[in-house]
Amino acid sequence: MPLDTSEMDKFVGKKLFPNKDDQRNTVNVNELPGFYRVVRPGMMVTRDFHENRYNFHTDDSGTITRVSRG
């Protein structure tokens, strides 16, 4: 059963990729769902809906700004 997006909100404000300056502010890859994609500002994405996929929206610095499903 897929996680509720509210359970993914714990990632908002953290870096998705290793942040050598502050490891505490980096998402542990073991906590990520099995099916996800990263959506960067201005990035084109497909509009196909996948109930089990999580979209991690980031800002230009790679910090997660929001999480959505689909």
PDB file of N, CA and C in Angstrom:
ATOM      1  N   MET A   1       0.844  -1.180   0.000  1.00  0.00           N
ATOM      2  CA  MET A   1       0.000   0.000   0.000  1.00  0.00           C
ATOM      3  C   MET A   1       0.889   1.243   0.000  1.00  0.00           C
ATOM      4  N   PRO A   2       0.623   2.201  -0.888  1.00  0.00           N
ATOM      5  CA  PRO A   2       1.479   3.387  -0.950  1.00  0.00           C
ATOM      6  C   PRO A   2       1.339   4.265   0.283  1.00  0.00           C
ATOM      7  N   LEU A   3       2.407   4.950   0.593  1.00  0.00           N
ATOM      8  CA  LEU A   3       2.376   5.879   1.716  1.00  0.00           C
ATOM      9  C   LEU A   3       1.543   7.098   1.375  1.00  0.00           C
ATOM     10  N   ASP A   4       0.943   7.689   2.370  1.00  0.00           N
ATOM     11  CA  ASP A   4       0.219   8.943   2.225  1.00  0.00           C
ATOM     12  C   ASP A   4       1.267  10.035   1.992  1.00  0.00           C
ATOM     13  N   THR A   5       0.950  11.050   1.183  1.00  0.00           N
ATOM     14  CA  THR A   5       1.947  12.104   0.937  1.00  0.00           C
ATOM     15  C   THR A   5       2.317  12.834   2.219  1.00  0.00           C
ATOM     16  N   SER A   6       1.411  12.891   3.195  1.00  0.00           N
ATOM     17  CA  SER A   6       1.743  13.581   4.452  1.00  0.00           C
ATOM     18  C   SER A   6       2.905  12.899   5.160  1.00  0.00           C
ATOM     19  N   GLU A   7       3.053  11.586   4.952  1.00  0.00           N
ATOM     20  CA  GLU A   7       4.176  10.874   5.542  1.00  0.00           C
ATOM     21  C   GLU A   7       5.485  11.229   4.848  1.00  0.00           C
ATOM     22  N   MET A   8       5.401  11.756   3.638  1.00  0.00           N
ATOM     23  CA  MET A   8       6.583  12.148   2.884  1.00  0.00           C
ATOM     24  C   MET A   8       6.989  13.592   3.166  1.00  0.00           C
ATOM     25  N   ASP A   9       6.121  14.348   3.822  1.00  0.00           N
ATOM     26  CA  ASP A   9       6.427  15.746   4.122  1.00  0.00           C
ATOM     27  C   ASP A   9       7.649  15.910   5.012  1.00  0.00           C
ATOM     28  N   LYS A  10       8.064  14.841   5.671  1.00  0.00           N
ATOM     29  CA  LYS A  10       9.263  14.921   6.519  1.00  0.00           C
ATOM     30  C   LYS A  10      10.511  15.224   5.694  1.00  0.00           C
ATOM     31  N   PHE A  11      10.423  15.028   4.367  1.00  0.00           N
ATOM     32  CA  PHE A  11      11.558  15.290   3.495  1.00  0.00           C
ATOM     33  C   PHE A  11      11.647  16.748   3.041  1.00  0.00           C
ATOM     34  N   VAL A  12      10.553  17.493   3.190  1.00  0.00           N
ATOM     35  CA  VAL A  12      10.551  18.889   2.748  1.00  0.00           C
ATOM     36  C   VAL A  12      11.592  19.677   3.545  1.00  0.00           C
ATOM     37  N   GLY A  13      12.401  20.439   2.812  1.00  0.00           N
ATOM     38  CA  GLY A  13      13.463  21.221   3.438  1.00  0.00           C
ATOM     39  C   GLY A  13      14.806  20.513   3.471  1.00  0.00           C
ATOM     40  N   LYS A  14      14.827  19.260   3.048  1.00  0.00           N
ATOM     41  CA  LYS A  14      16.084  18.499   3.031  1.00  0.00           C
ATOM     42  C   LYS A  14      16.594  18.358   1.603  1.00  0.00           C
ATOM     43  N   LYS A  15      17.872  18.058   1.500  1.00  0.00           N
ATOM     44  CA  LYS A  15      18.492  17.797   0.193  1.00  0.00           C
ATOM     45  C   LYS A  15      18.260  16.331  -0.159  1.00  0.00           C
ATOM     46  N   LEU A  16      17.930  16.090  -1.407  1.00  0.00           N
ATOM     47  CA  LEU A  16      17.707  14.719  -1.840  1.00  0.00           C
ATOM     48  C   LEU A  16      19.019  14.003  -2.124  1.00  0.00           C
ATOM     49  N   PHE A  17      20.015  14.745  -2.519  1.00  0.00           N
ATOM     50  CA  PHE A  17      21.312  14.163  -2.857  1.00  0.00           C
ATOM     51  C   PHE A  17      22.328  14.541  -1.798  1.00  0.00           C
ATOM     52  N   PRO A  18      23.391  13.785  -1.660  1.00  0.00           N
ATOM     53  CA  PRO A  18      24.369  14.041  -0.597  1.00  0.00           C
ATOM     54  C   PRO A  18      24.794  15.506  -0.496  1.00  0.00           C
ATOM     55  N   ASN A  19      24.737  15.981   0.715  1.00  0.00           N
ATOM     56  CA  ASN A  19      25.130  17.349   1.019  1.00  0.00           C
ATOM     57  C   ASN A  19      26.354  17.264   1.923  1.00  0.00           C
ATOM     58  N   LYS A  20      27.523  17.405   1.327  1.00  0.00           N
ATOM     59  CA  LYS A  20      28.745  17.230   2.110  1.00  0.00           C
ATOM     60  C   LYS A  20      28.899  18.272   3.215  1.00  0.00           C
ATOM     61  N   ASP A  21      28.206  19.417   3.090  1.00  0.00           N
ATOM     62  CA  ASP A  21      28.301  20.464   4.105  1.00  0.00           C
ATOM     63  C   ASP A  21      27.503  20.137   5.365  1.00  0.00           C
ATOM     64  N   ASP A  22      26.407  19.393   5.213  1.00  0.00           N
ATOM     65  CA  ASP A  22      25.561  19.089   6.361  1.00  0.00           C
ATOM     66  C   ASP A  22      24.837  17.772   6.128  1.00  0.00           C
ATOM     67  N   GLN A  23      25.414  16.676   6.562  1.00  0.00           N
ATOM     68  CA  GLN A  23      24.833  15.358   6.357  1.00  0.00           C
ATOM     69  C   GLN A  23      23.476  15.197   7.044  1.00  0.00           C
ATOM     70  N   ARG A  24      23.236  15.963   8.108  1.00  0.00           N
ATOM     71  CA  ARG A  24      21.958  15.866   8.815  1.00  0.00           C
ATOM     72  C   ARG A  24      20.809  16.383   7.969  1.00  0.00           C
ATOM     73  N   ASN A  25      21.124  17.189   6.982  1.00  0.00           N
ATOM     74  CA  ASN A  25      20.101  17.809   6.145  1.00  0.00           C
ATOM     75  C   ASN A  25      19.920  17.057   4.822  1.00  0.00           C
ATOM     76  N   THR A  26      20.380  15.826   4.749  1.00  0.00           N
ATOM     77  CA  THR A  26      20.286  15.028   3.532  1.00  0.00           C
ATOM     78  C   THR A  26      19.370  13.834   3.774  1.00  0.00           C
ATOM     79  N   VAL A  27      18.502  13.543   2.816  1.00  0.00           N
ATOM     80  CA  VAL A  27      17.581  12.416   2.916  1.00  0.00           C
ATOM     81  C   VAL A  27      18.359  11.104   2.880  1.00  0.00           C
ATOM     82  N   ASN A  28      18.026  10.211   3.774  1.00  0.00           N
ATOM     83  CA  ASN A  28      18.601   8.870   3.783  1.00  0.00           C
ATOM     84  C   ASN A  28      17.907   8.081   2.671  1.00  0.00           C
ATOM     85  N   VAL A  29      18.660   7.599   1.695  1.00  0.00           N
ATOM     86  CA  VAL A  29      18.068   6.906   0.549  1.00  0.00           C
ATOM     87  C   VAL A  29      17.273   5.670   0.958  1.00  0.00           C
ATOM     88  N   ASN A  30      17.566   5.097   2.091  1.00  0.00           N
ATOM     89  CA  ASN A  30      16.815   3.931   2.563  1.00  0.00           C
ATOM     90  C   ASN A  30      15.392   4.290   2.980  1.00  0.00           C
ATOM     91  N   GLU A  31      15.120   5.580   3.197  1.00  0.00           N
ATOM     92  CA  GLU A  31      13.784   6.023   3.586  1.00  0.00           C
ATOM     93  C   GLU A  31      12.906   6.367   2.390  1.00  0.00           C
ATOM     94  N   LEU A  32      13.496   6.432   1.205  1.00  0.00           N
ATOM     95  CA  LEU A  32      12.733   6.810   0.023  1.00  0.00           C
ATOM     96  C   LEU A  32      11.821   5.679  -0.431  1.00  0.00           C
ATOM     97  N   PRO A  33      10.679   6.044  -1.022  1.00  0.00           N
ATOM     98  CA  PRO A  33       9.796   5.003  -1.557  1.00  0.00           C
ATOM     99  C   PRO A  33      10.470   4.332  -2.752  1.00  0.00           C
ATOM    100  N   GLY A  34       9.986   3.190  -3.147  1.00  0.00           N
ATOM    101  CA  GLY A  34      10.594   2.453  -4.246  1.00  0.00           C
ATOM    102  C   GLY A  34      10.424   3.102  -5.604  1.00  0.00           C
ATOM    103  N   PHE A  35       9.388   3.900  -5.785  1.00  0.00           N
ATOM    104  CA  PHE A  35       9.070   4.479  -7.090  1.00  0.00           C
ATOM    105  C   PHE A  35       8.910   5.985  -6.919  1.00  0.00           C
ATOM    106  N   TYR A  36       9.892   6.743  -7.386  1.00  0.00           N
ATOM    107  CA  TYR A  36       9.830   8.196  -7.250  1.00  0.00           C
ATOM    108  C   TYR A  36      10.567   8.855  -8.406  1.00  0.00           C
ATOM    109  N   ARG A  37      10.329  10.155  -8.534  1.00  0.00           N
ATOM    110  CA  ARG A  37      11.101  10.943  -9.492  1.00  0.00           C
ATOM    111  C   ARG A  37      11.365  12.310  -8.878  1.00  0.00           C
ATOM    112  N   VAL A  38      12.405  12.934  -9.374  1.00  0.00           N
ATOM    113  CA  VAL A  38      12.794  14.269  -8.928  1.00  0.00           C
ATOM    114  C   VAL A  38      12.336  15.258  -9.985  1.00  0.00           C
ATOM    115  N   VAL A  39      11.634  16.305  -9.552  1.00  0.00           N
ATOM    116  CA  VAL A  39      11.148  17.332 -10.475  1.00  0.00           C
ATOM    117  C   VAL A  39      11.846  18.639 -10.105  1.00  0.00           C
ATOM    118  N   ARG A  40      12.720  19.070 -10.992  1.00  0.00           N
ATOM    119  CA  ARG A  40      13.466  20.313 -10.771  1.00  0.00           C
ATOM    120  C   ARG A  40      12.729  21.488 -11.408  1.00  0.00           C
ATOM    121  N   PRO A  41      13.003  22.723 -10.997  1.00  0.00           N
ATOM    122  CA  PRO A  41      12.332  23.885 -11.570  1.00  0.00           C
ATOM    123  C   PRO A  41      12.488  23.935 -13.094  1.00  0.00           C
ATOM    124  N   GLY A  42      11.369  24.131 -13.791  1.00  0.00           N
ATOM    125  CA  GLY A  42      11.383  24.253 -15.239  1.00  0.00           C
ATOM    126  C   GLY A  42      11.514  22.934 -15.980  1.00  0.00           C
ATOM    127  N   MET A  43      11.603  21.831 -15.248  1.00  0.00           N
ATOM    128  CA  MET A  43      11.790  20.522 -15.874  1.00  0.00           C
ATOM    129  C   MET A  43      10.469  20.031 -16.486  1.00  0.00           C
ATOM    130  N   MET A  44      10.562  19.480 -17.681  1.00  0.00           N
ATOM    131  CA  MET A  44       9.389  18.894 -18.320  1.00  0.00           C
ATOM    132  C   MET A  44       9.208  17.476 -17.776  1.00  0.00           C
ATOM    133  N   VAL A  45       7.957  17.115 -17.466  1.00  0.00           N
ATOM    134  CA  VAL A  45       7.653  15.774 -16.972  1.00  0.00           C
ATOM    135  C   VAL A  45       6.459  15.216 -17.734  1.00  0.00           C
ATOM    136  N   THR A  46       6.362  13.911 -17.753  1.00  0.00           N
ATOM    137  CA  THR A  46       5.212  13.275 -18.384  1.00  0.00           C
ATOM    138  C   THR A  46       3.984  13.482 -17.501  1.00  0.00           C
ATOM    139  N   ARG A  47       2.814  13.399 -18.097  1.00  0.00           N
ATOM    140  CA  ARG A  47       1.580  13.611 -17.343  1.00  0.00           C
ATOM    141  C   ARG A  47       0.894  12.299 -16.991  1.00  0.00           C
ATOM    142  N   ASP A  48       1.587  11.196 -17.200  1.00  0.00           N
ATOM    143  CA  ASP A  48       0.990   9.909 -16.854  1.00  0.00           C
ATOM    144  C   ASP A  48       0.909   9.779 -15.333  1.00  0.00           C
ATOM    145  N   PHE A  49      -0.167   9.180 -14.863  1.00  0.00           N
ATOM    146  CA  PHE A  49      -0.397   9.058 -13.426  1.00  0.00           C
ATOM    147  C   PHE A  49      -0.023   7.654 -12.959  1.00  0.00           C
ATOM    148  N   HIS A  50       0.798   7.594 -11.937  1.00  0.00           N
ATOM    149  CA  HIS A  50       1.157   6.330 -11.286  1.00  0.00           C
ATOM    150  C   HIS A  50       0.852   6.493  -9.804  1.00  0.00           C
ATOM    151  N   GLU A  51      -0.137   5.778  -9.331  1.00  0.00           N
ATOM    152  CA  GLU A  51      -0.585   5.906  -7.944  1.00  0.00           C
ATOM    153  C   GLU A  51       0.539   5.716  -6.936  1.00  0.00           C
ATOM    154  N   ASN A  52       1.481   4.845  -7.238  1.00  0.00           N
ATOM    155  CA  ASN A  52       2.553   4.520  -6.295  1.00  0.00           C
ATOM    156  C   ASN A  52       3.805   5.380  -6.447  1.00  0.00           C
ATOM    157  N   ARG A  53       3.774   6.345  -7.382  1.00  0.00           N
ATOM    158  CA  ARG A  53       4.967   7.177  -7.604  1.00  0.00           C
ATOM    159  C   ARG A  53       4.869   8.468  -6.791  1.00  0.00           C
ATOM    160  N   TYR A  54       5.991   8.835  -6.202  1.00  0.00           N
ATOM    161  CA  TYR A  54       6.092  10.107  -5.477  1.00  0.00           C
ATOM    162  C   TYR A  54       6.974  11.048  -6.272  1.00  0.00           C
ATOM    163  N   ASN A  55       6.569  12.290  -6.328  1.00  0.00           N
ATOM    164  CA  ASN A  55       7.309  13.330  -7.040  1.00  0.00           C
ATOM    165  C   ASN A  55       7.932  14.249  -5.998  1.00  0.00           C
ATOM    166  N   PHE A  56       9.234  14.321  -6.007  1.00  0.00           N
ATOM    167  CA  PHE A  56       9.947  15.210  -5.102  1.00  0.00           C
ATOM    168  C   PHE A  56      10.299  16.471  -5.879  1.00  0.00           C
ATOM    169  N   HIS A  57       9.608  17.555  -5.595  1.00  0.00           N
ATOM    170  CA  HIS A  57       9.848  18.835  -6.261  1.00  0.00           C
ATOM    171  C   HIS A  57      10.957  19.554  -5.501  1.00  0.00           C
ATOM    172  N   THR A  58      11.962  20.033  -6.236  1.00  0.00           N
ATOM    173  CA  THR A  58      13.095  20.704  -5.597  1.00  0.00           C
ATOM    174  C   THR A  58      13.247  22.128  -6.115  1.00  0.00           C
ATOM    175  N   ASP A  59      14.005  22.921  -5.371  1.00  0.00           N
ATOM    176  CA  ASP A  59      14.374  24.241  -5.867  1.00  0.00           C
ATOM    177  C   ASP A  59      15.702  24.108  -6.614  1.00  0.00           C
ATOM    178  N   ASP A  60      16.247  25.229  -7.052  1.00  0.00           N
ATOM    179  CA  ASP A  60      17.493  25.195  -7.836  1.00  0.00           C
ATOM    180  C   ASP A  60      18.672  24.602  -7.067  1.00  0.00           C
ATOM    181  N   SER A  61      18.627  24.667  -5.739  1.00  0.00           N
ATOM    182  CA  SER A  61      19.744  24.139  -4.948  1.00  0.00           C
ATOM    183  C   SER A  61      19.595  22.652  -4.629  1.00  0.00           C
ATOM    184  N   GLY A  62      18.473  22.037  -5.050  1.00  0.00           N
ATOM    185  CA  GLY A  62      18.265  20.623  -4.785  1.00  0.00           C
ATOM    186  C   GLY A  62      17.536  20.332  -3.487  1.00  0.00           C
ATOM    187  N   THR A  63      17.017  21.382  -2.842  1.00  0.00           N
ATOM    188  CA  THR A  63      16.258  21.203  -1.622  1.00  0.00           C
ATOM    189  C   THR A  63      14.816  20.864  -1.968  1.00  0.00           C
ATOM    190  N   ILE A  64      14.268  19.859  -1.311  1.00  0.00           N
ATOM    191  CA  ILE A  64      12.889  19.446  -1.571  1.00  0.00           C
ATOM    192  C   ILE A  64      11.937  20.529  -1.069  1.00  0.00           C
ATOM    193  N   THR A  65      11.060  20.982  -1.947  1.00  0.00           N
ATOM    194  CA  THR A  65      10.097  22.022  -1.579  1.00  0.00           C
ATOM    195  C   THR A  65       8.697  21.476  -1.362  1.00  0.00           C
ATOM    196  N   ARG A  66       8.374  20.353  -2.020  1.00  0.00           N
ATOM    197  CA  ARG A  66       7.086  19.706  -1.802  1.00  0.00           C
ATOM    198  C   ARG A  66       7.125  18.293  -2.373  1.00  0.00           C
ATOM    199  N   VAL A  67       6.151  17.488  -1.935  1.00  0.00           N
ATOM    200  CA  VAL A  67       6.046  16.111  -2.412  1.00  0.00           C
ATOM    201  C   VAL A  67       4.613  15.898  -2.889  1.00  0.00           C
ATOM    202  N   SER A  68       4.473  15.248  -4.038  1.00  0.00           N
ATOM    203  CA  SER A  68       3.146  14.929  -4.561  1.00  0.00           C
ATOM    204  C   SER A  68       3.139  13.486  -5.042  1.00  0.00           C
ATOM    205  N   ARG A  69       1.963  12.984  -5.308  1.00  0.00           N
ATOM    206  CA  ARG A  69       1.843  11.619  -5.848  1.00  0.00           C
ATOM    207  C   ARG A  69       1.365  11.679  -7.270  1.00  0.00           C
ATOM    208  N   GLY A  70       1.719  10.640  -8.008  1.00  0.00           N
ATOM    209  CA  GLY A  70       1.192  10.565  -9.371  1.00  0.00           C
ATOM    210  C   GLY A  70       2.167  10.341 -10.413  1.00  0.00           C
TER     211      GLY A  70
END
